[in-house]
Amino acid sequence: MRASLTTDEWRSDDTDALFDAILSLTDRDDAERFFRDLCTLRELEEMTARWAVVRLLTKGIPYRQIHDETGVSTATITRINQWLQHGTGGYSRILQRLGLAEEAS
């Protein structure tokens, strides 16, 4: 098993290629098709649930209620909130673009 990666060790030519592919998507249909081919249904469910957690956290919903609504463990909700509050700013940037940032805590 591979040791945990530090903050920047996950970057590679392959991650660059993946992000370039994502940036080339032109609409929701492209995104749906690409991510459905790229990911298992379980992976899509997990990403969808994590994004739901982010949106619920920005509304100030308590962890227990988020767990009840999404099925995501409170430990994962805590990790997502840590990234939301102290991560690279990716969540905040997208929330702002979607007009949801004013709700963010």
PDB file of N, CA and C in Angstrom:
ATOM      1  N   MET A   1       0.840  -1.175   0.000  1.00  0.00           N
ATOM      2  CA  MET A   1       0.000   0.000   0.000  1.00  0.00           C
ATOM      3  C   MET A   1       0.890   1.246   0.000  1.00  0.00           C
ATOM      4  N   ARG A   2       0.483   2.226  -0.744  1.00  0.00           N
ATOM      5  CA  ARG A   2       1.235   3.466  -0.885  1.00  0.00           C
ATOM      6  C   ARG A   2       1.058   4.356   0.347  1.00  0.00           C
ATOM      7  N   ALA A   3       2.131   4.970   0.781  1.00  0.00           N
ATOM      8  CA  ALA A   3       2.059   5.885   1.921  1.00  0.00           C
ATOM      9  C   ALA A   3       1.226   7.109   1.549  1.00  0.00           C
ATOM     10  N   SER A   4       0.704   7.790   2.551  1.00  0.00           N
ATOM     11  CA  SER A   4      -0.080   9.003   2.310  1.00  0.00           C
ATOM     12  C   SER A   4       0.753  10.042   1.579  1.00  0.00           C
ATOM     13  N   LEU A   5       0.120  10.730   0.679  1.00  0.00           N
ATOM     14  CA  LEU A   5       0.797  11.776  -0.090  1.00  0.00           C
ATOM     15  C   LEU A   5       0.696  13.101   0.637  1.00  0.00           C
ATOM     16  N   THR A   6       1.723  13.915   0.481  1.00  0.00           N
ATOM     17  CA  THR A   6       1.664  15.267   1.026  1.00  0.00           C
ATOM     18  C   THR A   6       0.818  16.123   0.092  1.00  0.00           C
ATOM     19  N   THR A   7       0.620  17.352   0.470  1.00  0.00           N
ATOM     20  CA  THR A   7      -0.273  18.255  -0.240  1.00  0.00           C
ATOM     21  C   THR A   7      -0.003  18.321  -1.742  1.00  0.00           C
ATOM     22  N   ASP A   8       1.253  18.391  -2.145  1.00  0.00           N
ATOM     23  CA  ASP A   8       1.557  18.568  -3.560  1.00  0.00           C
ATOM     24  C   ASP A   8       1.946  17.286  -4.291  1.00  0.00           C
ATOM     25  N   GLU A   9       2.120  16.171  -3.596  1.00  0.00           N
ATOM     26  CA  GLU A   9       2.577  14.945  -4.244  1.00  0.00           C
ATOM     27  C   GLU A   9       1.530  14.294  -5.142  1.00  0.00           C
ATOM     28  N   TRP A  10       0.284  14.685  -5.038  1.00  0.00           N
ATOM     29  CA  TRP A  10      -0.761  14.097  -5.869  1.00  0.00           C
ATOM     30  C   TRP A  10      -0.709  14.633  -7.293  1.00  0.00           C
ATOM     31  N   ARG A  11      -0.024  15.740  -7.487  1.00  0.00           N
ATOM     32  CA  ARG A  11       0.069  16.337  -8.822  1.00  0.00           C
ATOM     33  C   ARG A  11       1.035  15.545  -9.694  1.00  0.00           C
ATOM     34  N   SER A  12       0.631  15.350 -10.948  1.00  0.00           N
ATOM     35  CA  SER A  12       1.470  14.618 -11.898  1.00  0.00           C
ATOM     36  C   SER A  12       1.041  14.983 -13.313  1.00  0.00           C
ATOM     37  N   ASP A  13       1.767  14.477 -14.296  1.00  0.00           N
ATOM     38  CA  ASP A  13       1.354  14.673 -15.692  1.00  0.00           C
ATOM     39  C   ASP A  13      -0.034  14.090 -15.926  1.00  0.00           C
ATOM     40  N   ASP A  14      -0.321  12.970 -15.254  1.00  0.00           N
ATOM     41  CA  ASP A  14      -1.635  12.345 -15.429  1.00  0.00           C
ATOM     42  C   ASP A  14      -2.751  13.181 -14.801  1.00  0.00           C
ATOM     43  N   THR A  15      -2.503  13.785 -13.631  1.00  0.00           N
ATOM     44  CA  THR A  15      -3.549  14.650 -13.067  1.00  0.00           C
ATOM     45  C   THR A  15      -3.731  15.885 -13.935  1.00  0.00           C
ATOM     46  N   ASP A  16      -2.630  16.409 -14.473  1.00  0.00           N
ATOM     47  CA  ASP A  16      -2.743  17.543 -15.402  1.00  0.00           C
ATOM     48  C   ASP A  16      -3.601  17.160 -16.603  1.00  0.00           C
ATOM     49  N   ALA A  17      -3.368  15.973 -17.146  1.00  0.00           N
ATOM     50  CA  ALA A  17      -4.138  15.512 -18.309  1.00  0.00           C
ATOM     51  C   ALA A  17      -5.620  15.355 -17.960  1.00  0.00           C
ATOM     52  N   LEU A  18      -5.903  14.847 -16.758  1.00  0.00           N
ATOM     53  CA  LEU A  18      -7.292  14.710 -16.324  1.00  0.00           C
ATOM     54  C   LEU A  18      -7.958  16.076 -16.218  1.00  0.00           C
ATOM     55  N   PHE A  19      -7.295  17.031 -15.577  1.00  0.00           N
ATOM     56  CA  PHE A  19      -7.888  18.356 -15.429  1.00  0.00           C
ATOM     57  C   PHE A  19      -8.047  19.053 -16.778  1.00  0.00           C
ATOM     58  N   ASP A  20      -7.110  18.838 -17.690  1.00  0.00           N
ATOM     59  CA  ASP A  20      -7.264  19.389 -19.040  1.00  0.00           C
ATOM     60  C   ASP A  20      -8.493  18.798 -19.721  1.00  0.00           C
ATOM     61  N   ALA A  21      -8.709  17.498 -19.532  1.00  0.00           N
ATOM     62  CA  ALA A  21      -9.893  16.859 -20.112  1.00  0.00           C
ATOM     63  C   ALA A  21     -11.164  17.459 -19.514  1.00  0.00           C
ATOM     64  N   ILE A  22     -11.173  17.647 -18.202  1.00  0.00           N
ATOM     65  CA  ILE A  22     -12.345  18.230 -17.539  1.00  0.00           C
ATOM     66  C   ILE A  22     -12.596  19.645 -18.050  1.00  0.00           C
ATOM     67  N   LEU A  23     -11.536  20.407 -18.200  1.00  0.00           N
ATOM     68  CA  LEU A  23     -11.684  21.776 -18.697  1.00  0.00           C
ATOM     69  C   LEU A  23     -12.204  21.833 -20.132  1.00  0.00           C
ATOM     70  N   SER A  24     -12.051  20.755 -20.877  1.00  0.00           N
ATOM     71  CA  SER A  24     -12.531  20.742 -22.262  1.00  0.00           C
ATOM     72  C   SER A  24     -14.027  20.447 -22.364  1.00  0.00           C
ATOM     73  N   LEU A  25     -14.661  20.043 -21.269  1.00  0.00           N
ATOM     74  CA  LEU A  25     -16.091  19.751 -21.293  1.00  0.00           C
ATOM     75  C   LEU A  25     -16.855  21.036 -21.574  1.00  0.00           C
ATOM     76  N   THR A  26     -17.831  20.952 -22.469  1.00  0.00           N
ATOM     77  CA  THR A  26     -18.517  22.166 -22.904  1.00  0.00           C
ATOM     78  C   THR A  26     -19.904  22.353 -22.307  1.00  0.00           C
ATOM     79  N   ASP A  27     -20.507  21.281 -21.802  1.00  0.00           N
ATOM     80  CA  ASP A  27     -21.849  21.408 -21.248  1.00  0.00           C
ATOM     81  C   ASP A  27     -22.132  20.242 -20.307  1.00  0.00           C
ATOM     82  N   ARG A  28     -23.307  20.257 -19.696  1.00  0.00           N
ATOM     83  CA  ARG A  28     -23.667  19.223 -18.727  1.00  0.00           C
ATOM     84  C   ARG A  28     -23.696  17.842 -19.371  1.00  0.00           C
ATOM     85  N   ASP A  29     -24.180  17.742 -20.608  1.00  0.00           N
ATOM     86  CA  ASP A  29     -24.204  16.450 -21.285  1.00  0.00           C
ATOM     87  C   ASP A  29     -22.787  15.885 -21.419  1.00  0.00           C
ATOM     88  N   ASP A  30     -21.829  16.720 -21.842  1.00  0.00           N
ATOM     89  CA  ASP A  30     -20.427  16.291 -21.908  1.00  0.00           C
ATOM     90  C   ASP A  30     -19.952  15.801 -20.543  1.00  0.00           C
ATOM     91  N   ALA A  31     -20.263  16.584 -19.504  1.00  0.00           N
ATOM     92  CA  ALA A  31     -19.818  16.238 -18.151  1.00  0.00           C
ATOM     93  C   ALA A  31     -20.434  14.924 -17.691  1.00  0.00           C
ATOM     94  N   GLU A  32     -21.732  14.766 -17.915  1.00  0.00           N
ATOM     95  CA  GLU A  32     -22.406  13.527 -17.509  1.00  0.00           C
ATOM     96  C   GLU A  32     -21.791  12.321 -18.198  1.00  0.00           C
ATOM     97  N   ARG A  33     -21.589  12.428 -19.493  1.00  0.00           N
ATOM     98  CA  ARG A  33     -21.028  11.308 -20.248  1.00  0.00           C
ATOM     99  C   ARG A  33     -19.599  10.995 -19.816  1.00  0.00           C
ATOM    100  N   PHE A  34     -18.777  12.043 -19.669  1.00  0.00           N
ATOM    101  CA  PHE A  34     -17.383  11.841 -19.300  1.00  0.00           C
ATOM    102  C   PHE A  34     -17.260  11.219 -17.911  1.00  0.00           C
ATOM    103  N   PHE A  35     -17.949  11.807 -16.929  1.00  0.00           N
ATOM    104  CA  PHE A  35     -17.822  11.295 -15.567  1.00  0.00           C
ATOM    105  C   PHE A  35     -18.453   9.919 -15.414  1.00  0.00           C
ATOM    106  N   ARG A  36     -19.511   9.634 -16.158  1.00  0.00           N
ATOM    107  CA  ARG A  36     -20.104   8.299 -16.074  1.00  0.00           C
ATOM    108  C   ARG A  36     -19.151   7.259 -16.654  1.00  0.00           C
ATOM    109  N   ASP A  37     -18.434   7.592 -17.725  1.00  0.00           N
ATOM    110  CA  ASP A  37     -17.449   6.664 -18.274  1.00  0.00           C
ATOM    111  C   ASP A  37     -16.221   6.557 -17.372  1.00  0.00           C
ATOM    112  N   LEU A  38     -15.839   7.657 -16.751  1.00  0.00           N
ATOM    113  CA  LEU A  38     -14.631   7.703 -15.928  1.00  0.00           C
ATOM    114  C   LEU A  38     -14.812   7.013 -14.581  1.00  0.00           C
ATOM    115  N   CYS A  39     -15.972   7.187 -13.965  1.00  0.00           N
ATOM    116  CA  CYS A  39     -16.183   6.764 -12.581  1.00  0.00           C
ATOM    117  C   CYS A  39     -17.146   5.591 -12.479  1.00  0.00           C
ATOM    118  N   THR A  40     -16.993   4.833 -11.395  1.00  0.00           N
ATOM    119  CA  THR A  40     -18.002   3.826 -11.072  1.00  0.00           C
ATOM    120  C   THR A  40     -19.220   4.558 -10.519  1.00  0.00           C
ATOM    121  N   LEU A  41     -20.340   3.883 -10.468  1.00  0.00           N
ATOM    122  CA  LEU A  41     -21.526   4.496  -9.883  1.00  0.00           C
ATOM    123  C   LEU A  41     -21.262   4.878  -8.430  1.00  0.00           C
ATOM    124  N   ARG A  42     -20.546   4.037  -7.702  1.00  0.00           N
ATOM    125  CA  ARG A  42     -20.230   4.325  -6.300  1.00  0.00           C
ATOM    126  C   ARG A  42     -19.374   5.594  -6.183  1.00  0.00           C
ATOM    127  N   GLU A  43     -18.390   5.745  -7.047  1.00  0.00           N
ATOM    128  CA  GLU A  43     -17.561   6.948  -7.023  1.00  0.00           C
ATOM    129  C   GLU A  43     -18.394   8.197  -7.298  1.00  0.00           C
ATOM    130  N   LEU A  44     -19.302   8.109  -8.268  1.00  0.00           N
ATOM    131  CA  LEU A  44     -20.187   9.241  -8.560  1.00  0.00           C
ATOM    132  C   LEU A  44     -21.090   9.557  -7.372  1.00  0.00           C
ATOM    133  N   GLU A  45     -21.628   8.509  -6.729  1.00  0.00           N
ATOM    134  CA  GLU A  45     -22.463   8.707  -5.556  1.00  0.00           C
ATOM    135  C   GLU A  45     -21.685   9.400  -4.443  1.00  0.00           C
ATOM    136  N   GLU A  46     -20.438   8.978  -4.236  1.00  0.00           N
ATOM    137  CA  GLU A  46     -19.616   9.574  -3.172  1.00  0.00           C
ATOM    138  C   GLU A  46     -19.298  11.037  -3.468  1.00  0.00           C
ATOM    139  N   MET A  47     -18.937  11.351  -4.712  1.00  0.00           N
ATOM    140  CA  MET A  47     -18.655  12.748  -5.059  1.00  0.00           C
ATOM    141  C   MET A  47     -19.916  13.599  -4.932  1.00  0.00           C
ATOM    142  N   THR A  48     -21.046  13.062  -5.381  1.00  0.00           N
ATOM    143  CA  THR A  48     -22.316  13.772  -5.289  1.00  0.00           C
ATOM    144  C   THR A  48     -22.674  14.052  -3.834  1.00  0.00           C
ATOM    145  N   ALA A  49     -22.497  13.048  -2.979  1.00  0.00           N
ATOM    146  CA  ALA A  49     -22.800  13.216  -1.554  1.00  0.00           C
ATOM    147  C   ALA A  49     -21.866  14.248  -0.924  1.00  0.00           C
ATOM    148  N   ARG A  50     -20.597  14.233  -1.276  1.00  0.00           N
ATOM    149  CA  ARG A  50     -19.648  15.200  -0.718  1.00  0.00           C
ATOM    150  C   ARG A  50     -20.021  16.624  -1.134  1.00  0.00           C
ATOM    151  N   TRP A  51     -20.418  16.795  -2.378  1.00  0.00           N
ATOM    152  CA  TRP A  51     -20.819  18.132  -2.823  1.00  0.00           C
ATOM    153  C   TRP A  51     -22.103  18.565  -2.114  1.00  0.00           C
ATOM    154  N   ALA A  52     -23.009  17.632  -1.869  1.00  0.00           N
ATOM    155  CA  ALA A  52     -24.218  17.950  -1.101  1.00  0.00           C
ATOM    156  C   ALA A  52     -23.839  18.392   0.311  1.00  0.00           C
ATOM    157  N   VAL A  53     -22.862  17.711   0.916  1.00  0.00           N
ATOM    158  CA  VAL A  53     -22.401  18.081   2.253  1.00  0.00           C
ATOM    159  C   VAL A  53     -21.862  19.514   2.251  1.00  0.00           C
ATOM    160  N   VAL A  54     -21.061  19.852   1.263  1.00  0.00           N
ATOM    161  CA  VAL A  54     -20.516  21.212   1.177  1.00  0.00           C
ATOM    162  C   VAL A  54     -21.656  22.222   1.149  1.00  0.00           C
ATOM    163  N   ARG A  55     -22.636  21.983   0.298  1.00  0.00           N
ATOM    164  CA  ARG A  55     -23.742  22.932   0.171  1.00  0.00           C
ATOM    165  C   ARG A  55     -24.549  23.043   1.466  1.00  0.00           C
ATOM    166  N   LEU A  56     -24.738  21.916   2.158  1.00  0.00           N
ATOM    167  CA  LEU A  56     -25.464  21.939   3.425  1.00  0.00           C
ATOM    168  C   LEU A  56     -24.655  22.634   4.521  1.00  0.00           C
ATOM    169  N   LEU A  57     -23.353  22.409   4.538  1.00  0.00           N
ATOM    170  CA  LEU A  57     -22.497  23.091   5.516  1.00  0.00           C
ATOM    171  C   LEU A  57     -22.567  24.603   5.343  1.00  0.00           C
ATOM    172  N   THR A  58     -22.606  25.067   4.097  1.00  0.00           N
ATOM    173  CA  THR A  58     -22.655  26.514   3.854  1.00  0.00           C
ATOM    174  C   THR A  58     -23.964  27.122   4.353  1.00  0.00           C
ATOM    175  N   LYS A  59     -24.971  26.295   4.504  1.00  0.00           N
ATOM    176  CA  LYS A  59     -26.259  26.767   5.031  1.00  0.00           C
ATOM    177  C   LYS A  59     -26.315  26.672   6.551  1.00  0.00           C
ATOM    178  N   GLY A  60     -25.232  26.177   7.172  1.00  0.00           N
ATOM    179  CA  GLY A  60     -25.192  26.079   8.624  1.00  0.00           C
ATOM    180  C   GLY A  60     -25.956  24.898   9.196  1.00  0.00           C
ATOM    181  N   ILE A  61     -26.220  23.906   8.362  1.00  0.00           N
ATOM    182  CA  ILE A  61     -26.958  22.728   8.820  1.00  0.00           C
ATOM    183  C   ILE A  61     -26.058  21.922   9.761  1.00  0.00           C
ATOM    184  N   PRO A  62     -26.585  21.454  10.899  1.00  0.00           N
ATOM    185  CA  PRO A  62     -25.784  20.665  11.839  1.00  0.00           C
ATOM    186  C   PRO A  62     -25.327  19.323  11.232  1.00  0.00           C
ATOM    187  N   TYR A  63     -24.167  18.849  11.692  1.00  0.00           N
ATOM    188  CA  TYR A  63     -23.583  17.611  11.173  1.00  0.00           C
ATOM    189  C   TYR A  63     -24.561  16.442  11.231  1.00  0.00           C
ATOM    190  N   ARG A  64     -25.265  16.282  12.344  1.00  0.00           N
ATOM    191  CA  ARG A  64     -26.180  15.140  12.499  1.00  0.00           C
ATOM    192  C   ARG A  64     -27.276  15.197  11.438  1.00  0.00           C
ATOM    193  N   GLN A  65     -27.812  16.372  11.167  1.00  0.00           N
ATOM    194  CA  GLN A  65     -28.856  16.517  10.149  1.00  0.00           C
ATOM    195  C   GLN A  65     -28.279  16.232   8.765  1.00  0.00           C
ATOM    196  N   ILE A  66     -27.053  16.708   8.505  1.00  0.00           N
ATOM    197  CA  ILE A  66     -26.404  16.424   7.217  1.00  0.00           C
ATOM    198  C   ILE A  66     -26.235  14.921   7.054  1.00  0.00           C
ATOM    199  N   HIS A  67     -25.798  14.258   8.120  1.00  0.00           N
ATOM    200  CA  HIS A  67     -25.658  12.796   8.075  1.00  0.00           C
ATOM    201  C   HIS A  67     -27.004  12.140   7.762  1.00  0.00           C
ATOM    202  N   ASP A  68     -28.049  12.586   8.444  1.00  0.00           N
ATOM    203  CA  ASP A  68     -29.375  12.000   8.235  1.00  0.00           C
ATOM    204  C   ASP A  68     -29.867  12.210   6.802  1.00  0.00           C
ATOM    205  N   GLU A  69     -29.559  13.371   6.219  1.00  0.00           N
ATOM    206  CA  GLU A  69     -30.017  13.680   4.866  1.00  0.00           C
ATOM    207  C   GLU A  69     -29.186  13.006   3.777  1.00  0.00           C
ATOM    208  N   THR A  70     -27.887  12.842   4.041  1.00  0.00           N
ATOM    209  CA  THR A  70     -26.984  12.363   2.985  1.00  0.00           C
ATOM    210  C   THR A  70     -26.458  10.945   3.204  1.00  0.00           C
ATOM    211  N   GLY A  71     -26.465  10.491   4.446  1.00  0.00           N
ATOM    212  CA  GLY A  71     -25.864   9.202   4.776  1.00  0.00           C
ATOM    213  C   GLY A  71     -24.352   9.268   4.941  1.00  0.00           C
ATOM    214  N   VAL A  72     -23.764  10.448   4.769  1.00  0.00           N
ATOM    215  CA  VAL A  72     -22.324  10.630   4.922  1.00  0.00           C
ATOM    216  C   VAL A  72     -21.997  10.621   6.412  1.00  0.00           C
ATOM    217  N   SER A  73     -20.927   9.916   6.789  1.00  0.00           N
ATOM    218  CA  SER A  73     -20.553   9.827   8.199  1.00  0.00           C
ATOM    219  C   SER A  73     -20.156  11.194   8.743  1.00  0.00           C
ATOM    220  N   THR A  74     -20.343  11.374  10.039  1.00  0.00           N
ATOM    221  CA  THR A  74     -19.969  12.645  10.652  1.00  0.00           C
ATOM    222  C   THR A  74     -18.461  12.852  10.572  1.00  0.00           C
ATOM    223  N   ALA A  75     -17.678  11.783  10.564  1.00  0.00           N
ATOM    224  CA  ALA A  75     -16.220  11.923  10.407  1.00  0.00           C
ATOM    225  C   ALA A  75     -15.890  12.515   9.039  1.00  0.00           C
ATOM    226  N   THR A  76     -16.564  12.045   7.993  1.00  0.00           N
ATOM    227  CA  THR A  76     -16.335  12.585   6.652  1.00  0.00           C
ATOM    228  C   THR A  76     -16.843  14.016   6.560  1.00  0.00           C
ATOM    229  N   ILE A  77     -17.972  14.294   7.182  1.00  0.00           N
ATOM    230  CA  ILE A  77     -18.496  15.659   7.189  1.00  0.00           C
ATOM    231  C   ILE A  77     -17.484  16.591   7.852  1.00  0.00           C
ATOM    232  N   THR A  78     -16.876  16.142   8.939  1.00  0.00           N
ATOM    233  CA  THR A  78     -15.851  16.937   9.626  1.00  0.00           C
ATOM    234  C   THR A  78     -14.681  17.210   8.694  1.00  0.00           C
ATOM    235  N   ARG A  79     -14.210  16.182   7.973  1.00  0.00           N
ATOM    236  CA  ARG A  79     -13.092  16.365   7.030  1.00  0.00           C
ATOM    237  C   ARG A  79     -13.474  17.335   5.914  1.00  0.00           C
ATOM    238  N   ILE A  80     -14.679  17.206   5.383  1.00  0.00           N
ATOM    239  CA  ILE A  80     -15.129  18.114   4.326  1.00  0.00           C
ATOM    240  C   ILE A  80     -15.170  19.544   4.859  1.00  0.00           C
ATOM    241  N   ASN A  81     -15.663  19.716   6.077  1.00  0.00           N
ATOM    242  CA  ASN A  81     -15.724  21.058   6.656  1.00  0.00           C
ATOM    243  C   ASN A  81     -14.319  21.630   6.864  1.00  0.00           C
ATOM    244  N   GLN A  82     -13.364  20.792   7.247  1.00  0.00           N
ATOM    245  CA  GLN A  82     -11.985  21.266   7.393  1.00  0.00           C
ATOM    246  C   GLN A  82     -11.455  21.782   6.059  1.00  0.00           C
ATOM    247  N   TRP A  83     -11.711  21.061   4.966  1.00  0.00           N
ATOM    248  CA  TRP A  83     -11.283  21.511   3.641  1.00  0.00           C
ATOM    249  C   TRP A  83     -12.045  22.763   3.224  1.00  0.00           C
ATOM    250  N   LEU A  84     -13.326  22.829   3.569  1.00  0.00           N
ATOM    251  CA  LEU A  84     -14.125  24.015   3.244  1.00  0.00           C
ATOM    252  C   LEU A  84     -13.560  25.248   3.956  1.00  0.00           C
ATOM    253  N   GLN A  85     -13.183  25.085   5.224  1.00  0.00           N
ATOM    254  CA  GLN A  85     -12.694  26.210   6.020  1.00  0.00           C
ATOM    255  C   GLN A  85     -11.209  26.506   5.818  1.00  0.00           C
ATOM    256  N   HIS A  86     -10.394  25.471   5.596  1.00  0.00           N
ATOM    257  CA  HIS A  86      -8.941  25.645   5.610  1.00  0.00           C
ATOM    258  C   HIS A  86      -8.234  24.990   4.430  1.00  0.00           C
ATOM    259  N   GLY A  87      -8.964  24.620   3.396  1.00  0.00           N
ATOM    260  CA  GLY A  87      -8.367  23.941   2.254  1.00  0.00           C
ATOM    261  C   GLY A  87      -7.758  24.915   1.260  1.00  0.00           C
ATOM    262  N   THR A  88      -7.739  24.516   0.023  1.00  0.00           N
ATOM    263  CA  THR A  88      -7.106  25.310  -1.028  1.00  0.00           C
ATOM    264  C   THR A  88      -8.003  26.409  -1.584  1.00  0.00           C
ATOM    265  N   GLY A  89      -9.258  26.450  -1.147  1.00  0.00           N
ATOM    266  CA  GLY A  89     -10.194  27.456  -1.632  1.00  0.00           C
ATOM    267  C   GLY A  89     -11.024  26.997  -2.816  1.00  0.00           C
ATOM    268  N   GLY A  90     -10.859  25.747  -3.205  1.00  0.00           N
ATOM    269  CA  GLY A  90     -11.616  25.231  -4.347  1.00  0.00           C
ATOM    270  C   GLY A  90     -13.114  25.214  -4.121  1.00  0.00           C
ATOM    271  N   TYR A  91     -13.529  24.747  -2.943  1.00  0.00           N
ATOM    272  CA  TYR A  91     -14.959  24.749  -2.638  1.00  0.00           C
ATOM    273  C   TYR A  91     -15.502  26.175  -2.681  1.00  0.00           C
ATOM    274  N   SER A  92     -14.819  27.085  -2.006  1.00  0.00           N
ATOM    275  CA  SER A  92     -15.292  28.475  -1.927  1.00  0.00           C
ATOM    276  C   SER A  92     -15.387  29.123  -3.296  1.00  0.00           C
ATOM    277  N   ARG A  93     -14.418  28.839  -4.136  1.00  0.00           N
ATOM    278  CA  ARG A  93     -14.405  29.429  -5.480  1.00  0.00           C
ATOM    279  C   ARG A  93     -15.630  28.979  -6.281  1.00  0.00           C
ATOM    280  N   ILE A  94     -15.934  27.691  -6.215  1.00  0.00           N
ATOM    281  CA  ILE A  94     -17.076  27.174  -6.971  1.00  0.00           C
ATOM    282  C   ILE A  94     -18.391  27.643  -6.350  1.00  0.00           C
ATOM    283  N   LEU A  95     -18.468  27.661  -5.016  1.00  0.00           N
ATOM    284  CA  LEU A  95     -19.674  28.186  -4.364  1.00  0.00           C
ATOM    285  C   LEU A  95     -19.946  29.613  -4.802  1.00  0.00           C
ATOM    286  N   GLN A  96     -18.881  30.403  -4.895  1.00  0.00           N
ATOM    287  CA  GLN A  96     -19.028  31.796  -5.331  1.00  0.00           C
ATOM    288  C   GLN A  96     -19.525  31.849  -6.771  1.00  0.00           C
ATOM    289  N   ARG A  97     -18.949  31.046  -7.643  1.00  0.00           N
ATOM    290  CA  ARG A  97     -19.366  31.043  -9.054  1.00  0.00           C
ATOM    291  C   ARG A  97     -20.827  30.627  -9.223  1.00  0.00           C
ATOM    292  N   LEU A  98     -21.282  29.759  -8.330  1.00  0.00           N
ATOM    293  CA  LEU A  98     -22.662  29.281  -8.408  1.00  0.00           C
ATOM    294  C   LEU A  98     -23.635  30.176  -7.634  1.00  0.00           C
ATOM    295  N   GLY A  99     -23.103  31.262  -7.069  1.00  0.00           N
ATOM    296  CA  GLY A  99     -23.956  32.177  -6.330  1.00  0.00           C
ATOM    297  C   GLY A  99     -24.354  31.678  -4.968  1.00  0.00           C
ATOM    298  N   LEU A 100     -23.599  30.755  -4.405  1.00  0.00           N
ATOM    299  CA  LEU A 100     -23.908  30.187  -3.092  1.00  0.00           C
ATOM    300  C   LEU A 100     -22.970  30.689  -2.004  1.00  0.00           C
ATOM    301  N   ALA A 101     -21.978  31.489  -2.356  1.00  0.00           N
ATOM    302  CA  ALA A 101     -20.944  31.915  -1.410  1.00  0.00           C
ATOM    303  C   ALA A 101     -21.500  32.794  -0.304  1.00  0.00           C
ATOM    304  N   GLU A 102     -22.526  33.563  -0.579  1.00  0.00           N
ATOM    305  CA  GLU A 102     -23.052  34.446   0.447  1.00  0.00           C
ATOM    306  C   GLU A 102     -23.634  33.652   1.618  1.00  0.00           C
ATOM    307  N   GLU A 103     -23.946  32.374   1.392  1.00  0.00           N
ATOM    308  CA  GLU A 103     -24.435  31.531   2.466  1.00  0.00           C
ATOM    309  C   GLU A 103     -23.285  30.925   3.260  1.00  0.00           C
ATOM    310  N   ALA A 104     -22.079  30.869   2.646  1.00  0.00           N
ATOM    311  CA  ALA A 104     -20.947  30.184   3.280  1.00  0.00           C
ATOM    312  C   ALA A 104     -20.573  30.860   4.586  1.00  0.00           C
ATOM    313  N   SER A 105     -20.197  29.995   5.548  1.00  0.00           N
ATOM    314  CA  SER A 105     -19.791  30.537   6.841  1.00  0.00           C
ATOM    315  C   SER A 105     -18.319  30.833   6.867  1.00  0.00           C
TER     316      SER A 105
END
